[in-house]
Amino acid sequence: MTTTAPRTTPSPSKSPAKAPARAPRWLRILLPAVLILVWLAVFGVGERAFGEVNKVAVNDASEHLPASAEATQVQHLTDLFRDGTLVPATIVFSKDTAFTPVETQDLTALAKDLAREHGVAVSQIPGGAPRLVPSEDGKAATVFLPLEKNNPAAGIKLSDTVKNLRTDLGNRRIDGVQANVTGPAGLSADIAGAFSGLDGLLLVVALAVVLLILVIVYRSPLLPLIVLGSSLVALTGAMAVVVALAKAGVLLLSGQTQGILMILVIGAATDYSLLYVSRYREELAVRESKWAATWSALRGAFEPISASAGTVVAALLCLLLSDLNSNKALGPVAAIGIAFAYLVSLTLLPALM
């Protein structure tokens, strides 16, 4: 008796997962190219803004005091009694003994020559000539000169005017007599000199440290440059907006705020870039194309980067409630920098990658 094996019907095989529809080739080329060109334009505008930072930065001592402090209120009231385009400079002559009549004449002639220096508002001096005011013991004398504030159209820069006055005093030194330029103009020039070159040094050091860390982490010569390039674009974009708002009087920019902005933007943009790059490299191992890996990495990195940037911006804007003027000015400026770091990490960086 023969038996036949039961007939079995083959089970239908599972069909493979449907691959996502790929975007047209022209879109995959056009979209990154447009993003890169837009950010390059922002970089060009922001690069020019770097040259205008010192013109709009305010380094008055009152800006580092609480807004409710009496010294701050007096400073604002004092501005109502003088021309807002002028800054008084005080030239102090001193000697161990009383000035002789000949020395007094020489100092008076020197003061008249100093009044002819470019940037000195001679028309605002009573009588057209500065007056030498001696002290009670005759061992010191002062001369007051009104200096014009920064006026690029006329080729006037307050710090340069003070520097020229100090050079003239050094070239025409009288034996035994010390001469110094002080007052609001001298103080402003000294503050500007203290901050000049500092921001550039901070930026170079920050970029060098970040570059070294990225090279060690990625062991790649190109990837760290892409990340740092994106950070610089974010910084220039933020600087362009901040300078424009400072010119319009919307916010206050100081040398201290400028330095903090540079370090903050470079650090935040690098941090957000590290998160996206790590997601992107993971997706490249499982995705069939860079386009698919990019969109998958963006979906994965969008929420944590947005949460981080949003938290930092909200915290920085809380500084607007501070009574200290320097903190109040730092809040919106730094928030703008974080916003640009966020935008660059989710647009320019994926396009470059």
C-alpha atoms as a PDB file:
ATOM      1  CA  MET A   1       0.000   0.000   0.000  1.00  0.00           C
ATOM      2  CA  THR A   2       1.499   3.237  -1.057  1.00  0.00           C
ATOM      3  CA  THR A   3       0.956   6.427   0.780  1.00  0.00           C
ATOM      4  CA  THR A   4       1.326   9.781  -0.710  1.00  0.00           C
ATOM      5  CA  ALA A   5       2.810  12.614   1.222  1.00  0.00           C
ATOM      6  CA  PRO A   6       0.333  15.260   2.148  1.00  0.00           C
ATOM      7  CA  ARG A   7       0.324  18.125  -0.192  1.00  0.00           C
ATOM      8  CA  THR A   8       1.481  21.353   1.331  1.00  0.00           C
ATOM      9  CA  THR A   9       0.992  24.769  -0.080  1.00  0.00           C
ATOM     10  CA  PRO A  10       4.041  26.955   0.123  1.00  0.00           C
ATOM     11  CA  SER A  11       3.664  29.881   2.515  1.00  0.00           C
ATOM     12  CA  PRO A  12       3.923  33.212   0.872  1.00  0.00           C
ATOM     13  CA  SER A  13       7.306  34.734   1.459  1.00  0.00           C
ATOM     14  CA  LYS A  14       7.447  38.063   3.232  1.00  0.00           C
ATOM     15  CA  SER A  15       8.038  40.884   0.837  1.00  0.00           C
ATOM     16  CA  PRO A  16      10.962  43.167   1.671  1.00  0.00           C
ATOM     17  CA  ALA A  17      10.274  46.571   3.280  1.00  0.00           C
ATOM     18  CA  LYS A  18       9.485  49.152   0.752  1.00  0.00           C
ATOM     19  CA  ALA A  19      12.357  51.577   0.287  1.00  0.00           C
ATOM     20  CA  PRO A  20      11.485  55.217   0.813  1.00  0.00           C
ATOM     21  CA  ALA A  21      11.007  57.193  -2.321  1.00  0.00           C
ATOM     22  CA  ARG A  22      14.156  59.047  -3.213  1.00  0.00           C
ATOM     23  CA  ALA A  23      14.031  62.752  -3.920  1.00  0.00           C
ATOM     24  CA  PRO A  24      14.841  63.874  -7.448  1.00  0.00           C
ATOM     25  CA  ARG A  25      18.521  64.305  -8.126  1.00  0.00           C
ATOM     26  CA  TRP A  26      18.114  67.992  -8.943  1.00  0.00           C
ATOM     27  CA  LEU A  27      16.524  68.605  -5.522  1.00  0.00           C
ATOM     28  CA  ARG A  28      19.293  66.753  -3.712  1.00  0.00           C
ATOM     29  CA  ILE A  29      21.812  69.052  -5.408  1.00  0.00           C
ATOM     30  CA  LEU A  30      19.832  72.309  -5.416  1.00  0.00           C
ATOM     31  CA  LEU A  31      18.690  72.388  -1.770  1.00  0.00           C
ATOM     32  CA  PRO A  32      22.153  72.045  -0.158  1.00  0.00           C
ATOM     33  CA  ALA A  33      23.620  74.459  -2.715  1.00  0.00           C
ATOM     34  CA  VAL A  34      20.999  77.112  -1.937  1.00  0.00           C
ATOM     35  CA  LEU A  35      21.526  76.745   1.813  1.00  0.00           C
ATOM     36  CA  ILE A  36      25.290  77.079   1.436  1.00  0.00           C
ATOM     37  CA  LEU A  37      24.962  80.167  -0.789  1.00  0.00           C
ATOM     38  CA  VAL A  38      22.527  81.833   1.618  1.00  0.00           C
ATOM     39  CA  TRP A  39      24.832  81.299   4.572  1.00  0.00           C
ATOM     40  CA  LEU A  40      27.838  82.478   2.555  1.00  0.00           C
ATOM     41  CA  ALA A  41      25.956  85.726   1.935  1.00  0.00           C
ATOM     42  CA  VAL A  42      25.279  85.990   5.676  1.00  0.00           C
ATOM     43  CA  PHE A  43      28.978  85.368   6.313  1.00  0.00           C
ATOM     44  CA  GLY A  44      29.926  88.208   3.951  1.00  0.00           C
ATOM     45  CA  VAL A  45      27.590  90.672   5.670  1.00  0.00           C
ATOM     46  CA  GLY A  46      28.700  89.573   9.112  1.00  0.00           C
ATOM     47  CA  GLU A  47      32.380  89.857   8.216  1.00  0.00           C
ATOM     48  CA  ARG A  48      31.902  93.542   7.426  1.00  0.00           C
ATOM     49  CA  ALA A  49      30.029  93.974  10.714  1.00  0.00           C
ATOM     50  CA  PHE A  50      33.149  92.918  12.628  1.00  0.00           C
ATOM     51  CA  GLY A  51      34.850  96.110  11.452  1.00  0.00           C
ATOM     52  CA  GLU A  52      32.013  98.220  12.862  1.00  0.00           C
ATOM     53  CA  VAL A  53      31.844  96.641  16.306  1.00  0.00           C
ATOM     54  CA  ASN A  54      34.207  99.143  17.932  1.00  0.00           C
ATOM     55  CA  LYS A  55      32.207 102.017  16.467  1.00  0.00           C
ATOM     56  CA  VAL A  56      28.935 100.971  18.090  1.00  0.00           C
ATOM     57  CA  ALA A  57      30.333  99.426  21.285  1.00  0.00           C
ATOM     58  CA  VAL A  58      29.729 101.463  24.441  1.00  0.00           C
ATOM     59  CA  ASN A  59      32.297 101.141  27.219  1.00  0.00           C
ATOM     60  CA  ASP A  60      31.050 103.773  29.665  1.00  0.00           C
ATOM     61  CA  ALA A  61      31.755 102.952  33.296  1.00  0.00           C
ATOM     62  CA  SER A  62      28.089 103.530  34.139  1.00  0.00           C
ATOM     63  CA  GLU A  63      27.138 100.541  31.988  1.00  0.00           C
ATOM     64  CA  HIS A  64      28.761  98.268  34.568  1.00  0.00           C
ATOM     65  CA  LEU A  65      26.671  99.719  37.399  1.00  0.00           C
ATOM     66  CA  PRO A  66      23.091  98.944  38.455  1.00  0.00           C
ATOM     67  CA  ALA A  67      20.523 101.019  36.603  1.00  0.00           C
ATOM     68  CA  SER A  68      19.129 102.222  39.941  1.00  0.00           C
ATOM     69  CA  ALA A  69      22.516 103.357  41.285  1.00  0.00           C
ATOM     70  CA  GLU A  70      22.884 107.073  41.999  1.00  0.00           C
ATOM     71  CA  ALA A  71      26.091 107.233  39.949  1.00  0.00           C
ATOM     72  CA  THR A  72      24.208 105.891  36.908  1.00  0.00           C
ATOM     73  CA  GLN A  73      21.400 108.407  37.316  1.00  0.00           C
ATOM     74  CA  VAL A  74      23.868 111.272  37.697  1.00  0.00           C
ATOM     75  CA  GLN A  75      25.665 110.163  34.531  1.00  0.00           C
ATOM     76  CA  HIS A  76      22.427 110.260  32.534  1.00  0.00           C
ATOM     77  CA  LEU A  77      21.495 113.658  33.976  1.00  0.00           C
ATOM     78  CA  THR A  78      24.958 115.034  33.201  1.00  0.00           C
ATOM     79  CA  ASP A  79      24.471 114.197  29.526  1.00  0.00           C
ATOM     80  CA  LEU A  80      21.541 116.629  29.451  1.00  0.00           C
ATOM     81  CA  PHE A  81      23.860 119.544  30.254  1.00  0.00           C
ATOM     82  CA  ARG A  82      26.400 118.959  27.527  1.00  0.00           C
ATOM     83  CA  ASP A  83      26.566 118.302  23.834  1.00  0.00           C
ATOM     84  CA  GLY A  84      26.068 114.595  23.229  1.00  0.00           C
ATOM     85  CA  THR A  85      28.619 114.647  20.399  1.00  0.00           C
ATOM     86  CA  LEU A  86      31.464 115.902  22.642  1.00  0.00           C
ATOM     87  CA  VAL A  87      33.564 114.167  25.286  1.00  0.00           C
ATOM     88  CA  PRO A  88      35.605 116.325  27.685  1.00  0.00           C
ATOM     89  CA  ALA A  89      39.288 115.614  28.054  1.00  0.00           C
ATOM     90  CA  THR A  90      41.358 116.865  30.973  1.00  0.00           C
ATOM     91  CA  ILE A  91      45.075 117.484  30.525  1.00  0.00           C
ATOM     92  CA  VAL A  92      46.894 117.573  33.851  1.00  0.00           C
ATOM     93  CA  PHE A  93      50.350 119.140  34.219  1.00  0.00           C
ATOM     94  CA  SER A  94      52.162 118.483  37.492  1.00  0.00           C
ATOM     95  CA  LYS A  95      55.531 119.283  39.047  1.00  0.00           C
ATOM     96  CA  ASP A  96      57.286 118.777  42.385  1.00  0.00           C
ATOM     97  CA  THR A  97      57.652 122.540  42.795  1.00  0.00           C
ATOM     98  CA  ALA A  98      55.508 125.478  41.757  1.00  0.00           C
ATOM     99  CA  PHE A  99      55.527 126.449  38.083  1.00  0.00           C
ATOM    100  CA  THR A 100      57.713 129.392  37.144  1.00  0.00           C
ATOM    101  CA  PRO A 101      56.242 132.209  35.013  1.00  0.00           C
ATOM    102  CA  VAL A 102      58.242 130.951  32.019  1.00  0.00           C
ATOM    103  CA  GLU A 103      56.872 127.423  32.452  1.00  0.00           C
ATOM    104  CA  THR A 104      53.355 128.803  32.765  1.00  0.00           C
ATOM    105  CA  GLN A 105      53.779 130.626  29.459  1.00  0.00           C
ATOM    106  CA  ASP A 106      55.177 127.510  27.800  1.00  0.00           C
ATOM    107  CA  LEU A 107      52.260 125.418  29.076  1.00  0.00           C
ATOM    108  CA  THR A 108      49.755 127.986  27.836  1.00  0.00           C
ATOM    109  CA  ALA A 109      51.343 127.941  24.377  1.00  0.00           C
ATOM    110  CA  LEU A 110      51.363 124.134  24.431  1.00  0.00           C
ATOM    111  CA  ALA A 111      47.671 124.057  25.318  1.00  0.00           C
ATOM    112  CA  LYS A 112      46.854 126.302  22.343  1.00  0.00           C
ATOM    113  CA  ASP A 113      48.780 123.996  20.037  1.00  0.00           C
ATOM    114  CA  LEU A 114      46.954 120.944  21.419  1.00  0.00           C
ATOM    115  CA  ALA A 115      43.629 122.624  20.655  1.00  0.00           C
ATOM    116  CA  ARG A 116      44.547 122.531  16.943  1.00  0.00           C
ATOM    117  CA  GLU A 117      44.749 118.743  16.978  1.00  0.00           C
ATOM    118  CA  HIS A 118      42.310 116.997  14.636  1.00  0.00           C
ATOM    119  CA  GLY A 119      39.292 115.889  16.630  1.00  0.00           C
ATOM    120  CA  VAL A 120      39.331 118.783  19.116  1.00  0.00           C
ATOM    121  CA  ALA A 121      36.170 120.930  18.907  1.00  0.00           C
ATOM    122  CA  VAL A 122      37.894 124.337  18.961  1.00  0.00           C
ATOM    123  CA  SER A 123      34.618 126.137  18.289  1.00  0.00           C
ATOM    124  CA  GLN A 124      33.269 124.856  21.622  1.00  0.00           C
ATOM    125  CA  ILE A 125      36.155 126.362  23.649  1.00  0.00           C
ATOM    126  CA  PRO A 126      35.205 129.725  25.236  1.00  0.00           C
ATOM    127  CA  GLY A 127      37.248 132.466  23.601  1.00  0.00           C
ATOM    128  CA  GLY A 128      38.628 130.027  21.043  1.00  0.00           C
ATOM    129  CA  ALA A 129      41.665 129.191  23.192  1.00  0.00           C
ATOM    130  CA  PRO A 130      42.003 126.768  26.127  1.00  0.00           C
ATOM    131  CA  ARG A 131      42.651 128.232  29.554  1.00  0.00           C
ATOM    132  CA  LEU A 132      45.308 126.994  31.942  1.00  0.00           C
ATOM    133  CA  VAL A 133      43.795 126.518  35.411  1.00  0.00           C
ATOM    134  CA  PRO A 134      46.504 126.339  38.134  1.00  0.00           C
ATOM    135  CA  SER A 135      46.098 124.662  41.510  1.00  0.00           C
ATOM    136  CA  GLU A 136      46.256 126.565  44.801  1.00  0.00           C
ATOM    137  CA  ASP A 137      49.845 125.537  45.513  1.00  0.00           C
ATOM    138  CA  GLY A 138      50.928 126.177  41.916  1.00  0.00           C
ATOM    139  CA  LYS A 139      52.334 122.659  41.513  1.00  0.00           C
ATOM    140  CA  ALA A 140      49.659 121.505  39.076  1.00  0.00           C
ATOM    141  CA  ALA A 141      47.517 122.916  36.293  1.00  0.00           C
ATOM    142  CA  THR A 142      44.700 121.585  34.160  1.00  0.00           C
ATOM    143  CA  VAL A 143      43.452 122.270  30.653  1.00  0.00           C
ATOM    144  CA  PHE A 144      39.992 121.189  29.477  1.00  0.00           C
ATOM    145  CA  LEU A 145      39.522 120.263  25.803  1.00  0.00           C
ATOM    146  CA  PRO A 146      36.219 119.155  24.241  1.00  0.00           C
ATOM    147  CA  LEU A 147      36.829 116.199  21.913  1.00  0.00           C
ATOM    148  CA  GLU A 148      34.459 114.981  19.235  1.00  0.00           C
ATOM    149  CA  LYS A 149      33.060 111.485  19.480  1.00  0.00           C
ATOM    150  CA  ASN A 150      33.681 108.870  16.804  1.00  0.00           C
ATOM    151  CA  ASN A 151      32.727 110.305  13.417  1.00  0.00           C
ATOM    152  CA  PRO A 152      33.829 107.999  10.574  1.00  0.00           C
ATOM    153  CA  ALA A 153      32.584 110.445   7.925  1.00  0.00           C
ATOM    154  CA  ALA A 154      34.973 113.114   9.215  1.00  0.00           C
ATOM    155  CA  GLY A 155      37.775 110.651   9.916  1.00  0.00           C
ATOM    156  CA  ILE A 156      37.533 111.228  13.668  1.00  0.00           C
ATOM    157  CA  LYS A 157      38.019 108.499  16.246  1.00  0.00           C
ATOM    158  CA  LEU A 158      38.083 109.450  19.917  1.00  0.00           C
ATOM    159  CA  SER A 159      40.802 106.978  20.881  1.00  0.00           C
ATOM    160  CA  ASP A 160      43.025 108.246  18.033  1.00  0.00           C
ATOM    161  CA  THR A 161      42.528 111.859  19.144  1.00  0.00           C
ATOM    162  CA  VAL A 162      43.587 111.002  22.701  1.00  0.00           C
ATOM    163  CA  LYS A 163      46.555 109.051  21.369  1.00  0.00           C
ATOM    164  CA  ASN A 164      47.663 112.027  19.258  1.00  0.00           C
ATOM    165  CA  LEU A 165      47.357 114.374  22.232  1.00  0.00           C
ATOM    166  CA  ARG A 166      49.530 112.084  24.328  1.00  0.00           C
ATOM    167  CA  THR A 167      52.079 111.862  21.502  1.00  0.00           C
ATOM    168  CA  ASP A 168      52.232 115.655  21.227  1.00  0.00           C
ATOM    169  CA  LEU A 169      52.738 115.968  24.978  1.00  0.00           C
ATOM    170  CA  GLY A 170      55.544 113.425  24.822  1.00  0.00           C
ATOM    171  CA  ASN A 171      57.268 115.193  21.935  1.00  0.00           C
ATOM    172  CA  ARG A 172      57.071 118.600  23.640  1.00  0.00           C
ATOM    173  CA  ARG A 173      57.974 117.539  27.150  1.00  0.00           C
ATOM    174  CA  ILE A 174      59.047 120.294  29.535  1.00  0.00           C
ATOM    175  CA  ASP A 175      61.818 119.367  31.969  1.00  0.00           C
ATOM    176  CA  GLY A 176      60.430 118.335  35.342  1.00  0.00           C
ATOM    177  CA  VAL A 177      56.792 118.580  34.208  1.00  0.00           C
ATOM    178  CA  GLN A 178      54.592 115.519  33.895  1.00  0.00           C
ATOM    179  CA  ALA A 179      51.644 115.633  31.489  1.00  0.00           C
ATOM    180  CA  ASN A 180      48.722 113.203  31.365  1.00  0.00           C
ATOM    181  CA  VAL A 181      45.432 113.038  29.449  1.00  0.00           C
ATOM    182  CA  THR A 182      42.527 111.935  31.616  1.00  0.00           C
ATOM    183  CA  GLY A 183      38.862 112.768  32.113  1.00  0.00           C
ATOM    184  CA  PRO A 184      35.993 110.961  30.347  1.00  0.00           C
ATOM    185  CA  ALA A 185      37.860 111.029  27.014  1.00  0.00           C
ATOM    186  CA  GLY A 186      41.041 109.564  28.469  1.00  0.00           C
ATOM    187  CA  LEU A 187      39.092 106.917  30.374  1.00  0.00           C
ATOM    188  CA  SER A 188      37.130 105.921  27.273  1.00  0.00           C
ATOM    189  CA  ALA A 189      40.308 105.661  25.198  1.00  0.00           C
ATOM    190  CA  ASP A 190      42.008 103.522  27.861  1.00  0.00           C
ATOM    191  CA  ILE A 191      39.048 101.150  28.062  1.00  0.00           C
ATOM    192  CA  ALA A 192      38.971 100.834  24.273  1.00  0.00           C
ATOM    193  CA  GLY A 193      42.702 100.150  24.281  1.00  0.00           C
ATOM    194  CA  ALA A 194      42.321  97.469  26.941  1.00  0.00           C
ATOM    195  CA  PHE A 195      39.775  95.612  24.817  1.00  0.00           C
ATOM    196  CA  SER A 196      41.445  96.187  21.436  1.00  0.00           C
ATOM    197  CA  GLY A 197      42.920  92.958  20.120  1.00  0.00           C
ATOM    198  CA  LEU A 198      41.539  90.989  23.052  1.00  0.00           C
ATOM    199  CA  ASP A 199      38.508  89.698  21.154  1.00  0.00           C
ATOM    200  CA  GLY A 200      40.649  88.538  18.262  1.00  0.00           C
ATOM    201  CA  LEU A 201      42.979  86.696  20.625  1.00  0.00           C
ATOM    202  CA  LEU A 202      40.038  85.056  22.413  1.00  0.00           C
ATOM    203  CA  LEU A 203      38.574  83.938  19.095  1.00  0.00           C
ATOM    204  CA  VAL A 204      41.857  82.481  17.815  1.00  0.00           C
ATOM    205  CA  VAL A 205      42.511  80.602  21.067  1.00  0.00           C
ATOM    206  CA  ALA A 206      38.955  79.243  21.179  1.00  0.00           C
ATOM    207  CA  LEU A 207      39.123  78.055  17.573  1.00  0.00           C
ATOM    208  CA  ALA A 208      42.534  76.432  18.124  1.00  0.00           C
ATOM    209  CA  VAL A 209      41.338  74.535  21.214  1.00  0.00           C
ATOM    210  CA  VAL A 210      38.135  73.370  19.539  1.00  0.00           C
ATOM    211  CA  LEU A 211      40.040  72.324  16.402  1.00  0.00           C
ATOM    212  CA  LEU A 212      42.465  70.257  18.456  1.00  0.00           C
ATOM    213  CA  ILE A 213      39.632  68.498  20.293  1.00  0.00           C
ATOM    214  CA  LEU A 214      37.753  67.784  17.051  1.00  0.00           C
ATOM    215  CA  VAL A 215      40.850  66.357  15.367  1.00  0.00           C
ATOM    216  CA  ILE A 216      41.395  64.017  18.329  1.00  0.00           C
ATOM    217  CA  VAL A 217      37.731  62.961  18.380  1.00  0.00           C
ATOM    218  CA  TYR A 218      37.148  62.485  14.644  1.00  0.00           C
ATOM    219  CA  ARG A 219      40.690  61.692  13.440  1.00  0.00           C
ATOM    220  CA  SER A 220      39.747  63.459  10.227  1.00  0.00           C
ATOM    221  CA  PRO A 221      41.324  66.535   8.641  1.00  0.00           C
ATOM    222  CA  LEU A 222      38.138  67.701   6.895  1.00  0.00           C
ATOM    223  CA  LEU A 223      35.312  67.124   9.382  1.00  0.00           C
ATOM    224  CA  PRO A 224      36.714  69.484  12.083  1.00  0.00           C
ATOM    225  CA  LEU A 225      37.061  72.231   9.473  1.00  0.00           C
ATOM    226  CA  ILE A 226      33.422  71.797   8.441  1.00  0.00           C
ATOM    227  CA  VAL A 227      32.267  72.064  12.057  1.00  0.00           C
ATOM    228  CA  LEU A 228      34.467  75.083  12.778  1.00  0.00           C
ATOM    229  CA  GLY A 229      33.447  76.740   9.514  1.00  0.00           C
ATOM    230  CA  SER A 230      29.794  76.398  10.480  1.00  0.00           C
ATOM    231  CA  SER A 231      30.550  77.922  13.891  1.00  0.00           C
ATOM    232  CA  LEU A 232      32.256  80.923  12.301  1.00  0.00           C
ATOM    233  CA  VAL A 233      29.310  81.484   9.971  1.00  0.00           C
ATOM    234  CA  ALA A 234      26.966  81.449  12.985  1.00  0.00           C
ATOM    235  CA  LEU A 235      29.195  83.985  14.756  1.00  0.00           C
ATOM    236  CA  THR A 236      29.338  86.378  11.807  1.00  0.00           C
ATOM    237  CA  GLY A 237      25.575  86.159  11.304  1.00  0.00           C
ATOM    238  CA  ALA A 238      24.942  86.917  14.972  1.00  0.00           C
ATOM    239  CA  MET A 239      27.428  89.790  14.890  1.00  0.00           C
ATOM    240  CA  ALA A 240      25.710  91.332  11.866  1.00  0.00           C
ATOM    241  CA  VAL A 241      22.332  91.338  13.624  1.00  0.00           C
ATOM    242  CA  VAL A 242      23.759  92.596  16.917  1.00  0.00           C
ATOM    243  CA  VAL A 243      25.648  95.476  15.254  1.00  0.00           C
ATOM    244  CA  ALA A 244      22.558  96.481  13.264  1.00  0.00           C
ATOM    245  CA  LEU A 245      20.403  96.511  16.412  1.00  0.00           C
ATOM    246  CA  ALA A 246      23.091  98.437  18.314  1.00  0.00           C
ATOM    247  CA  LYS A 247      23.162 101.076  15.576  1.00  0.00           C
ATOM    248  CA  ALA A 248      19.384 101.393  15.812  1.00  0.00           C
ATOM    249  CA  GLY A 249      19.625 101.805  19.579  1.00  0.00           C
ATOM    250  CA  VAL A 250      17.580  98.661  20.258  1.00  0.00           C
ATOM    251  CA  LEU A 251      20.245  97.006  22.405  1.00  0.00           C
ATOM    252  CA  LEU A 252      23.553  97.882  24.009  1.00  0.00           C
ATOM    253  CA  LEU A 253      26.842  96.321  22.901  1.00  0.00           C
ATOM    254  CA  SER A 254      29.965  96.585  25.024  1.00  0.00           C
ATOM    255  CA  GLY A 255      33.449  95.165  24.710  1.00  0.00           C
ATOM    256  CA  GLN A 256      32.739  92.660  27.468  1.00  0.00           C
ATOM    257  CA  THR A 257      29.514  91.484  25.815  1.00  0.00           C
ATOM    258  CA  GLN A 258      31.271  91.139  22.479  1.00  0.00           C
ATOM    259  CA  GLY A 259      33.929  88.824  23.915  1.00  0.00           C
ATOM    260  CA  ILE A 260      31.352  86.637  25.666  1.00  0.00           C
ATOM    261  CA  LEU A 261      29.287  86.436  22.465  1.00  0.00           C
ATOM    262  CA  MET A 262      32.230  85.061  20.478  1.00  0.00           C
ATOM    263  CA  ILE A 263      33.075  82.274  22.911  1.00  0.00           C
ATOM    264  CA  LEU A 264      29.422  81.403  23.518  1.00  0.00           C
ATOM    265  CA  VAL A 265      28.523  81.054  19.824  1.00  0.00           C
ATOM    266  CA  ILE A 266      31.610  78.991  18.979  1.00  0.00           C
ATOM    267  CA  GLY A 267      30.958  76.669  21.921  1.00  0.00           C
ATOM    268  CA  ALA A 268      27.214  76.251  21.325  1.00  0.00           C
ATOM    269  CA  ALA A 269      27.547  75.752  17.557  1.00  0.00           C
ATOM    270  CA  THR A 270      30.268  73.141  18.090  1.00  0.00           C
ATOM    271  CA  ASP A 271      28.147  71.364  20.710  1.00  0.00           C
ATOM    272  CA  TYR A 272      25.103  71.185  18.434  1.00  0.00           C
ATOM    273  CA  SER A 273      27.297  70.105  15.523  1.00  0.00           C
ATOM    274  CA  LEU A 274      28.773  67.220  17.504  1.00  0.00           C
ATOM    275  CA  LEU A 275      25.284  65.902  18.222  1.00  0.00           C
ATOM    276  CA  TYR A 276      24.172  66.091  14.602  1.00  0.00           C
ATOM    277  CA  VAL A 277      27.419  64.636  13.212  1.00  0.00           C
ATOM    278  CA  SER A 278      27.236  61.632  15.548  1.00  0.00           C
ATOM    279  CA  ARG A 279      23.650  60.928  14.448  1.00  0.00           C
ATOM    280  CA  TYR A 280      24.581  61.378  10.802  1.00  0.00           C
ATOM    281  CA  ARG A 281      27.487  58.932  10.995  1.00  0.00           C
ATOM    282  CA  GLU A 282      25.239  56.354  12.668  1.00  0.00           C
ATOM    283  CA  GLU A 283      22.620  56.727   9.952  1.00  0.00           C
ATOM    284  CA  LEU A 284      25.179  56.381   7.146  1.00  0.00           C
ATOM    285  CA  ALA A 285      25.806  52.801   8.310  1.00  0.00           C
ATOM    286  CA  VAL A 286      22.159  51.774   7.876  1.00  0.00           C
ATOM    287  CA  ARG A 287      20.825  54.049   5.162  1.00  0.00           C
ATOM    288  CA  GLU A 288      21.210  53.540   1.458  1.00  0.00           C
ATOM    289  CA  SER A 289      22.026  57.146   0.617  1.00  0.00           C
ATOM    290  CA  LYS A 290      23.386  60.309   2.195  1.00  0.00           C
ATOM    291  CA  TRP A 291      20.076  62.044   1.504  1.00  0.00           C
ATOM    292  CA  ALA A 292      18.160  59.486   3.594  1.00  0.00           C
ATOM    293  CA  ALA A 293      20.829  59.576   6.303  1.00  0.00           C
ATOM    294  CA  THR A 294      20.623  63.365   6.452  1.00  0.00           C
ATOM    295  CA  TRP A 295      16.860  63.470   6.966  1.00  0.00           C
ATOM    296  CA  SER A 296      16.976  60.662   9.506  1.00  0.00           C
ATOM    297  CA  ALA A 297      19.775  62.382  11.427  1.00  0.00           C
ATOM    298  CA  LEU A 298      17.843  65.662  11.397  1.00  0.00           C
ATOM    299  CA  ARG A 299      14.759  63.943  12.799  1.00  0.00           C
ATOM    300  CA  GLY A 300      16.848  62.412  15.565  1.00  0.00           C
ATOM    301  CA  ALA A 301      18.829  65.527  16.435  1.00  0.00           C
ATOM    302  CA  PHE A 302      16.079  68.141  16.045  1.00  0.00           C
ATOM    303  CA  GLU A 303      14.396  67.644  19.417  1.00  0.00           C
ATOM    304  CA  PRO A 304      17.492  67.581  21.675  1.00  0.00           C
ATOM    305  CA  ILE A 305      19.150  70.507  19.859  1.00  0.00           C
ATOM    306  CA  SER A 306      15.924  72.519  19.955  1.00  0.00           C
ATOM    307  CA  ALA A 307      15.426  71.780  23.638  1.00  0.00           C
ATOM    308  CA  SER A 308      18.995  72.775  24.460  1.00  0.00           C
ATOM    309  CA  ALA A 309      18.901  75.996  22.436  1.00  0.00           C
ATOM    310  CA  GLY A 310      15.468  76.949  23.715  1.00  0.00           C
ATOM    311  CA  THR A 311      16.498  76.429  27.341  1.00  0.00           C
ATOM    312  CA  VAL A 312      19.643  78.529  26.955  1.00  0.00           C
ATOM    313  CA  VAL A 313      17.814  81.344  25.137  1.00  0.00           C
ATOM    314  CA  ALA A 314      15.103  81.450  27.800  1.00  0.00           C
ATOM    315  CA  ALA A 315      17.720  81.562  30.566  1.00  0.00           C
ATOM    316  CA  LEU A 316      19.649  84.341  28.833  1.00  0.00           C
ATOM    317  CA  LEU A 317      16.527  86.455  28.339  1.00  0.00           C
ATOM    318  CA  CYS A 318      15.957  86.264  32.093  1.00  0.00           C
ATOM    319  CA  LEU A 319      18.969  88.586  32.379  1.00  0.00           C
ATOM    320  CA  LEU A 320      16.696  91.365  31.127  1.00  0.00           C
ATOM    321  CA  LEU A 321      15.266  91.392  34.658  1.00  0.00           C
ATOM    322  CA  SER A 322      18.696  92.145  36.132  1.00  0.00           C
ATOM    323  CA  ASP A 323      19.357  95.580  37.621  1.00  0.00           C
ATOM    324  CA  LEU A 324      22.983  95.435  36.500  1.00  0.00           C
ATOM    325  CA  ASN A 325      23.311  97.127  33.116  1.00  0.00           C
ATOM    326  CA  SER A 326      26.062  94.820  31.858  1.00  0.00           C
ATOM    327  CA  ASN A 327      23.948  91.711  32.586  1.00  0.00           C
ATOM    328  CA  LYS A 328      20.858  93.272  31.050  1.00  0.00           C
ATOM    329  CA  ALA A 329      22.792  94.026  27.862  1.00  0.00           C
ATOM    330  CA  LEU A 330      24.313  90.540  27.728  1.00  0.00           C
ATOM    331  CA  GLY A 331      20.960  88.698  27.716  1.00  0.00           C
ATOM    332  CA  PRO A 332      19.538  89.585  24.270  1.00  0.00           C
ATOM    333  CA  VAL A 333      22.964  89.702  22.600  1.00  0.00           C
ATOM    334  CA  ALA A 334      23.880  86.198  23.750  1.00  0.00           C
ATOM    335  CA  ALA A 335      20.367  84.911  22.913  1.00  0.00           C
ATOM    336  CA  ILE A 336      20.825  86.074  19.322  1.00  0.00           C
ATOM    337  CA  GLY A 337      24.126  84.197  19.171  1.00  0.00           C
ATOM    338  CA  ILE A 338      22.528  80.961  20.411  1.00  0.00           C
ATOM    339  CA  ALA A 339      19.731  81.339  17.848  1.00  0.00           C
ATOM    340  CA  PHE A 340      22.253  81.538  15.005  1.00  0.00           C
ATOM    341  CA  ALA A 341      24.203  78.559  16.354  1.00  0.00           C
ATOM    342  CA  TYR A 342      20.936  76.603  16.360  1.00  0.00           C
ATOM    343  CA  LEU A 343      19.985  77.585  12.805  1.00  0.00           C
ATOM    344  CA  VAL A 344      23.424  76.833  11.392  1.00  0.00           C
ATOM    345  CA  SER A 345      23.626  73.394  13.002  1.00  0.00           C
ATOM    346  CA  LEU A 346      20.302  72.340  11.432  1.00  0.00           C
ATOM    347  CA  THR A 347      20.758  73.901   7.982  1.00  0.00           C
ATOM    348  CA  LEU A 348      24.306  74.755   6.906  1.00  0.00           C
ATOM    349  CA  LEU A 349      26.017  71.833   8.629  1.00  0.00           C
ATOM    350  CA  PRO A 350      23.749  69.144   7.060  1.00  0.00           C
ATOM    351  CA  ALA A 351      24.199  70.817   3.668  1.00  0.00           C
ATOM    352  CA  LEU A 352      27.987  70.731   3.995  1.00  0.00           C
ATOM    353  CA  MET A 353      27.976  67.147   5.260  1.00  0.00           C
END
